Amino acid sequence: MNFHLDLIEDKVEFFEAADLKTLQKKIESQIEINKAIMLSVHSVSHQMHLNENGQRFYSAVVHFKQKK
């Protein structure tokens, strides 16, 4: 029986929240989880949207890459 493990080299995750503080907590939490599988943040992209009621909505895309 052969057992083979492949390491994740790239991972892209999407986050959303009603305020920046919550968005930041979600991202920081996932950064800690991804450290355990040897991934670090490569880039972050974020946006703010206004809905029809003028309420703000925040989203972010975080690209994780394998630590070298």
PDB file of N, CA and C in Angstrom:
ATOM      1  N   MET A   1       0.844  -1.184   0.000  1.00  0.00           N
ATOM      2  CA  MET A   1       0.000   0.000   0.000  1.00  0.00           C
ATOM      3  C   MET A   1       0.886   1.242   0.000  1.00  0.00           C
ATOM      4  N   ASN A   2       0.674   2.097  -0.976  1.00  0.00           N
ATOM      5  CA  ASN A   2       1.423   3.352  -1.074  1.00  0.00           C
ATOM      6  C   ASN A   2       0.599   4.486  -0.503  1.00  0.00           C
ATOM      7  N   PHE A   3       1.270   5.331   0.253  1.00  0.00           N
ATOM      8  CA  PHE A   3       0.627   6.496   0.849  1.00  0.00           C
ATOM      9  C   PHE A   3       1.349   7.723   0.334  1.00  0.00           C
ATOM     10  N   HIS A   4       0.624   8.602  -0.352  1.00  0.00           N
ATOM     11  CA  HIS A   4       1.251   9.765  -0.971  1.00  0.00           C
ATOM     12  C   HIS A   4       0.534  11.046  -0.532  1.00  0.00           C
ATOM     13  N   LEU A   5       1.292  12.018  -0.068  1.00  0.00           N
ATOM     14  CA  LEU A   5       0.737  13.309   0.327  1.00  0.00           C
ATOM     15  C   LEU A   5       1.172  14.395  -0.650  1.00  0.00           C
ATOM     16  N   ASP A   6       0.222  15.196  -1.097  1.00  0.00           N
ATOM     17  CA  ASP A   6       0.527  16.364  -1.915  1.00  0.00           C
ATOM     18  C   ASP A   6       0.313  17.609  -1.073  1.00  0.00           C
ATOM     19  N   LEU A   7       1.259  18.517  -1.131  1.00  0.00           N
ATOM     20  CA  LEU A   7       1.125  19.773  -0.411  1.00  0.00           C
ATOM     21  C   LEU A   7       0.325  20.766  -1.242  1.00  0.00           C
ATOM     22  N   ILE A   8      -0.489  21.542  -0.587  1.00  0.00           N
ATOM     23  CA  ILE A   8      -1.216  22.609  -1.258  1.00  0.00           C
ATOM     24  C   ILE A   8      -0.231  23.746  -1.505  1.00  0.00           C
ATOM     25  N   GLU A   9      -0.129  24.171  -2.759  1.00  0.00           N
ATOM     26  CA  GLU A   9       0.806  25.241  -3.091  1.00  0.00           C
ATOM     27  C   GLU A   9       0.125  26.605  -3.161  1.00  0.00           C
ATOM     28  N   ASP A  10      -1.108  26.634  -3.633  1.00  0.00           N
ATOM     29  CA  ASP A  10      -1.872  27.874  -3.765  1.00  0.00           C
ATOM     30  C   ASP A  10      -3.288  27.638  -3.268  1.00  0.00           C
ATOM     31  N   LYS A  11      -3.851  28.677  -2.662  1.00  0.00           N
ATOM     32  CA  LYS A  11      -5.223  28.605  -2.164  1.00  0.00           C
ATOM     33  C   LYS A  11      -5.791  30.022  -2.183  1.00  0.00           C
ATOM     34  N   VAL A  12      -6.986  30.171  -2.728  1.00  0.00           N
ATOM     35  CA  VAL A  12      -7.651  31.468  -2.771  1.00  0.00           C
ATOM     36  C   VAL A  12      -8.927  31.360  -1.953  1.00  0.00           C
ATOM     37  N   GLU A  13      -9.127  32.311  -1.040  1.00  0.00           N
ATOM     38  CA  GLU A  13     -10.313  32.300  -0.188  1.00  0.00           C
ATOM     39  C   GLU A  13     -11.025  33.641  -0.269  1.00  0.00           C
ATOM     40  N   PHE A  14     -12.342  33.573  -0.147  1.00  0.00           N
ATOM     41  CA  PHE A  14     -13.198  34.754  -0.240  1.00  0.00           C
ATOM     42  C   PHE A  14     -13.870  35.008   1.100  1.00  0.00           C
ATOM     43  N   PHE A  15     -13.953  36.274   1.477  1.00  0.00           N
ATOM     44  CA  PHE A  15     -14.546  36.661   2.754  1.00  0.00           C
ATOM     45  C   PHE A  15     -15.518  37.810   2.532  1.00  0.00           C
ATOM     46  N   GLU A  16     -16.534  37.889   3.397  1.00  0.00           N
ATOM     47  CA  GLU A  16     -17.476  39.007   3.336  1.00  0.00           C
ATOM     48  C   GLU A  16     -17.990  39.308   4.736  1.00  0.00           C
ATOM     49  N   ALA A  17     -18.326  40.580   4.947  1.00  0.00           N
ATOM     50  CA  ALA A  17     -18.827  41.007   6.251  1.00  0.00           C
ATOM     51  C   ALA A  17     -19.505  42.364   6.117  1.00  0.00           C
ATOM     52  N   ALA A  18     -20.288  42.698   7.127  1.00  0.00           N
ATOM     53  CA  ALA A  18     -21.010  43.969   7.137  1.00  0.00           C
ATOM     54  C   ALA A  18     -20.143  45.125   7.631  1.00  0.00           C
ATOM     55  N   ASP A  19     -19.012  44.803   8.296  1.00  0.00           N
ATOM     56  CA  ASP A  19     -18.111  45.868   8.762  1.00  0.00           C
ATOM     57  C   ASP A  19     -16.660  45.399   8.655  1.00  0.00           C
ATOM     58  N   LEU A  20     -15.748  46.359   8.645  1.00  0.00           N
ATOM     59  CA  LEU A  20     -14.328  46.047   8.468  1.00  0.00           C
ATOM     60  C   LEU A  20     -13.744  45.223   9.612  1.00  0.00           C
ATOM     61  N   LYS A  21     -14.167  45.502  10.821  1.00  0.00           N
ATOM     62  CA  LYS A  21     -13.628  44.794  11.980  1.00  0.00           C
ATOM     63  C   LYS A  21     -13.934  43.292  11.887  1.00  0.00           C
ATOM     64  N   THR A  22     -15.163  42.957  11.513  1.00  0.00           N
ATOM     65  CA  THR A  22     -15.550  41.546  11.363  1.00  0.00           C
ATOM     66  C   THR A  22     -14.791  40.896  10.222  1.00  0.00           C
ATOM     67  N   LEU A  23     -14.637  41.615   9.115  1.00  0.00           N
ATOM     68  CA  LEU A  23     -13.890  41.102   7.975  1.00  0.00           C
ATOM     69  C   LEU A  23     -12.446  40.811   8.366  1.00  0.00           C
ATOM     70  N   GLN A  24     -11.844  41.721   9.095  1.00  0.00           N
ATOM     71  CA  GLN A  24     -10.463  41.540   9.546  1.00  0.00           C
ATOM     72  C   GLN A  24     -10.335  40.323  10.451  1.00  0.00           C
ATOM     73  N   LYS A  25     -11.278  40.122  11.369  1.00  0.00           N
ATOM     74  CA  LYS A  25     -11.234  38.963  12.269  1.00  0.00           C
ATOM     75  C   LYS A  25     -11.346  37.661  11.490  1.00  0.00           C
ATOM     76  N   LYS A  26     -12.220  37.629  10.488  1.00  0.00           N
ATOM     77  CA  LYS A  26     -12.376  36.426   9.660  1.00  0.00           C
ATOM     78  C   LYS A  26     -11.081  36.090   8.928  1.00  0.00           C
ATOM     79  N   ILE A  27     -10.458  37.110   8.362  1.00  0.00           N
ATOM     80  CA  ILE A  27      -9.218  36.895   7.621  1.00  0.00           C
ATOM     81  C   ILE A  27      -8.100  36.453   8.558  1.00  0.00           C
ATOM     82  N   GLU A  28      -7.950  37.113   9.695  1.00  0.00           N
ATOM     83  CA  GLU A  28      -6.895  36.758  10.649  1.00  0.00           C
ATOM     84  C   GLU A  28      -7.066  35.339  11.167  1.00  0.00           C
ATOM     85  N   SER A  29      -8.304  34.932  11.396  1.00  0.00           N
ATOM     86  CA  SER A  29      -8.575  33.573  11.843  1.00  0.00           C
ATOM     87  C   SER A  29      -8.134  32.555  10.795  1.00  0.00           C
ATOM     88  N   GLN A  30      -8.431  32.828   9.541  1.00  0.00           N
ATOM     89  CA  GLN A  30      -8.054  31.900   8.480  1.00  0.00           C
ATOM     90  C   GLN A  30      -6.550  31.899   8.233  1.00  0.00           C
ATOM     91  N   ILE A  31      -5.889  33.016   8.452  1.00  0.00           N
ATOM     92  CA  ILE A  31      -4.428  33.066   8.331  1.00  0.00           C
ATOM     93  C   ILE A  31      -3.797  32.099   9.324  1.00  0.00           C
ATOM     94  N   GLU A  32      -4.280  32.099  10.553  1.00  0.00           N
ATOM     95  CA  GLU A  32      -3.748  31.182  11.571  1.00  0.00           C
ATOM     96  C   GLU A  32      -3.974  29.719  11.188  1.00  0.00           C
ATOM     97  N   ILE A  33      -5.137  29.420  10.647  1.00  0.00           N
ATOM     98  CA  ILE A  33      -5.441  28.045  10.216  1.00  0.00           C
ATOM     99  C   ILE A  33      -4.510  27.634   9.080  1.00  0.00           C
ATOM    100  N   ASN A  34      -4.299  28.533   8.128  1.00  0.00           N
ATOM    101  CA  ASN A  34      -3.463  28.199   6.978  1.00  0.00           C
ATOM    102  C   ASN A  34      -1.987  28.117   7.313  1.00  0.00           C
ATOM    103  N   LYS A  35      -1.561  28.747   8.395  1.00  0.00           N
ATOM    104  CA  LYS A  35      -0.175  28.601   8.840  1.00  0.00           C
ATOM    105  C   LYS A  35       0.123  27.145   9.180  1.00  0.00           C
ATOM    106  N   ALA A  36      -0.880  26.442   9.695  1.00  0.00           N
ATOM    107  CA  ALA A  36      -0.698  25.041  10.075  1.00  0.00           C
ATOM    108  C   ALA A  36      -0.434  24.154   8.860  1.00  0.00           C
ATOM    109  N   ILE A  37      -0.913  24.557   7.694  1.00  0.00           N
ATOM    110  CA  ILE A  37      -0.645  23.781   6.483  1.00  0.00           C
ATOM    111  C   ILE A  37       0.409  24.473   5.613  1.00  0.00           C
ATOM    112  N   MET A  38       1.213  25.304   6.256  1.00  0.00           N
ATOM    113  CA  MET A  38       2.388  25.949   5.672  1.00  0.00           C
ATOM    114  C   MET A  38       2.052  26.883   4.507  1.00  0.00           C
ATOM    115  N   LEU A  39       0.966  27.626   4.645  1.00  0.00           N
ATOM    116  CA  LEU A  39       0.612  28.636   3.646  1.00  0.00           C
ATOM    117  C   LEU A  39       0.714  30.015   4.274  1.00  0.00           C
ATOM    118  N   SER A  40       1.198  30.965   3.508  1.00  0.00           N
ATOM    119  CA  SER A  40       1.270  32.343   3.984  1.00  0.00           C
ATOM    120  C   SER A  40       0.541  33.246   2.987  1.00  0.00           C
ATOM    121  N   VAL A  41       0.222  34.447   3.411  1.00  0.00           N
ATOM    122  CA  VAL A  41      -0.516  35.384   2.567  1.00  0.00           C
ATOM    123  C   VAL A  41       0.398  35.891   1.453  1.00  0.00           C
ATOM    124  N   HIS A  42      -0.076  35.760   0.231  1.00  0.00           N
ATOM    125  CA  HIS A  42       0.655  36.272  -0.928  1.00  0.00           C
ATOM    126  C   HIS A  42       0.092  37.631  -1.350  1.00  0.00           C
ATOM    127  N   SER A  43      -1.243  37.741  -1.364  1.00  0.00           N
ATOM    128  CA  SER A  43      -1.858  39.019  -1.720  1.00  0.00           C
ATOM    129  C   SER A  43      -3.270  39.098  -1.159  1.00  0.00           C
ATOM    130  N   VAL A  44      -3.738  40.331  -0.989  1.00  0.00           N
ATOM    131  CA  VAL A  44      -5.091  40.588  -0.498  1.00  0.00           C
ATOM    132  C   VAL A  44      -5.716  41.654  -1.388  1.00  0.00           C
ATOM    133  N   SER A  45      -6.957  41.413  -1.769  1.00  0.00           N
ATOM    134  CA  SER A  45      -7.715  42.386  -2.543  1.00  0.00           C
ATOM    135  C   SER A  45      -9.052  42.580  -1.834  1.00  0.00           C
ATOM    136  N   HIS A  46      -9.483  43.825  -1.697  1.00  0.00           N
ATOM    137  CA  HIS A  46     -10.733  44.054  -0.976  1.00  0.00           C
ATOM    138  C   HIS A  46     -11.566  45.120  -1.675  1.00  0.00           C
ATOM    139  N   GLN A  47     -12.866  45.069  -1.393  1.00  0.00           N
ATOM    140  CA  GLN A  47     -13.792  46.031  -1.979  1.00  0.00           C
ATOM    141  C   GLN A  47     -14.861  46.385  -0.971  1.00  0.00           C
ATOM    142  N   MET A  48     -15.466  47.566  -1.182  1.00  0.00           N
ATOM    143  CA  MET A  48     -16.600  48.000  -0.379  1.00  0.00           C
ATOM    144  C   MET A  48     -17.733  48.301  -1.346  1.00  0.00           C
ATOM    145  N   HIS A  49     -18.917  47.789  -1.026  1.00  0.00           N
ATOM    146  CA  HIS A  49     -20.091  47.996  -1.862  1.00  0.00           C
ATOM    147  C   HIS A  49     -21.164  48.697  -1.049  1.00  0.00           C
ATOM    148  N   LEU A  50     -21.988  49.459  -1.702  1.00  0.00           N
ATOM    149  CA  LEU A  50     -23.152  50.067  -1.067  1.00  0.00           C
ATOM    150  C   LEU A  50     -24.390  49.401  -1.647  1.00  0.00           C
ATOM    151  N   ASN A  51     -25.302  48.945  -0.764  1.00  0.00           N
ATOM    152  CA  ASN A  51     -26.548  48.382  -1.273  1.00  0.00           C
ATOM    153  C   ASN A  51     -27.550  49.502  -1.544  1.00  0.00           C
ATOM    154  N   GLU A  52     -28.738  49.147  -1.951  1.00  0.00           N
ATOM    155  CA  GLU A  52     -29.737  50.160  -2.319  1.00  0.00           C
ATOM    156  C   GLU A  52     -30.160  51.035  -1.139  1.00  0.00           C
ATOM    157  N   ASN A  53     -29.938  50.565   0.098  1.00  0.00           N
ATOM    158  CA  ASN A  53     -30.268  51.348   1.293  1.00  0.00           C
ATOM    159  C   ASN A  53     -29.099  52.203   1.783  1.00  0.00           C
ATOM    160  N   GLY A  54     -27.981  52.149   1.081  1.00  0.00           N
ATOM    161  CA  GLY A  54     -26.804  52.919   1.477  1.00  0.00           C
ATOM    162  C   GLY A  54     -25.948  52.234   2.527  1.00  0.00           C
ATOM    163  N   GLN A  55     -26.268  50.983   2.849  1.00  0.00           N
ATOM    164  CA  GLN A  55     -25.466  50.243   3.829  1.00  0.00           C
ATOM    165  C   GLN A  55     -24.209  49.698   3.155  1.00  0.00           C
ATOM    166  N   ARG A  56     -23.130  49.716   3.898  1.00  0.00           N
ATOM    167  CA  ARG A  56     -21.854  49.233   3.375  1.00  0.00           C
ATOM    168  C   ARG A  56     -21.750  47.721   3.532  1.00  0.00           C
ATOM    169  N   PHE A  57     -21.068  47.104   2.565  1.00  0.00           N
ATOM    170  CA  PHE A  57     -20.819  45.670   2.584  1.00  0.00           C
ATOM    171  C   PHE A  57     -19.385  45.464   2.108  1.00  0.00           C
ATOM    172  N   TYR A  58     -18.581  44.746   2.877  1.00  0.00           N
ATOM    173  CA  TYR A  58     -17.169  44.578   2.585  1.00  0.00           C
ATOM    174  C   TYR A  58     -16.883  43.150   2.144  1.00  0.00           C
ATOM    175  N   SER A  59     -15.984  43.021   1.170  1.00  0.00           N
ATOM    176  CA  SER A  59     -15.566  41.699   0.719  1.00  0.00           C
ATOM    177  C   SER A  59     -14.055  41.724   0.478  1.00  0.00           C
ATOM    178  N   ALA A  60     -13.452  40.538   0.557  1.00  0.00           N
ATOM    179  CA  ALA A  60     -12.012  40.433   0.348  1.00  0.00           C
ATOM    180  C   ALA A  60     -11.681  39.083  -0.268  1.00  0.00           C
ATOM    181  N   VAL A  61     -10.616  39.081  -1.061  1.00  0.00           N
ATOM    182  CA  VAL A  61     -10.059  37.863  -1.631  1.00  0.00           C
ATOM    183  C   VAL A  61      -8.631  37.775  -1.129  1.00  0.00           C
ATOM    184  N   VAL A  62      -8.278  36.644  -0.524  1.00  0.00           N
ATOM    185  CA  VAL A  62      -6.930  36.454   0.000  1.00  0.00           C
ATOM    186  C   VAL A  62      -6.297  35.271  -0.730  1.00  0.00           C
ATOM    187  N   HIS A  63      -5.124  35.520  -1.319  1.00  0.00           N
ATOM    188  CA  HIS A  63      -4.382  34.473  -2.015  1.00  0.00           C
ATOM    189  C   HIS A  63      -3.271  33.986  -1.089  1.00  0.00           C
ATOM    190  N   PHE A  64      -3.332  32.713  -0.752  1.00  0.00           N
ATOM    191  CA  PHE A  64      -2.307  32.086   0.092  1.00  0.00           C
ATOM    192  C   PHE A  64      -1.387  31.274  -0.789  1.00  0.00           C
ATOM    193  N   LYS A  65      -0.078  31.290  -0.473  1.00  0.00           N
ATOM    194  CA  LYS A  65       0.906  30.497  -1.197  1.00  0.00           C
ATOM    195  C   LYS A  65       1.760  29.718  -0.200  1.00  0.00           C
ATOM    196  N   GLN A  66       2.295  28.630  -0.690  1.00  0.00           N
ATOM    197  CA  GLN A  66       3.160  27.788   0.127  1.00  0.00           C
ATOM    198  C   GLN A  66       4.412  28.558   0.544  1.00  0.00           C
ATOM    199  N   LYS A  67       4.790  28.420   1.809  1.00  0.00           N
ATOM    200  CA  LYS A  67       6.004  29.068   2.302  1.00  0.00           C
ATOM    201  C   LYS A  67       7.219  28.417   1.667  1.00  0.00           C
ATOM    202  N   LYS A  68       8.186  29.233   1.295  1.00  0.00           N
ATOM    203  CA  LYS A  68       9.400  28.677   0.669  1.00  0.00           C
ATOM    204  C   LYS A  68      10.583  28.875   1.556  1.00  0.00           C
TER     205      LYS A  68
END
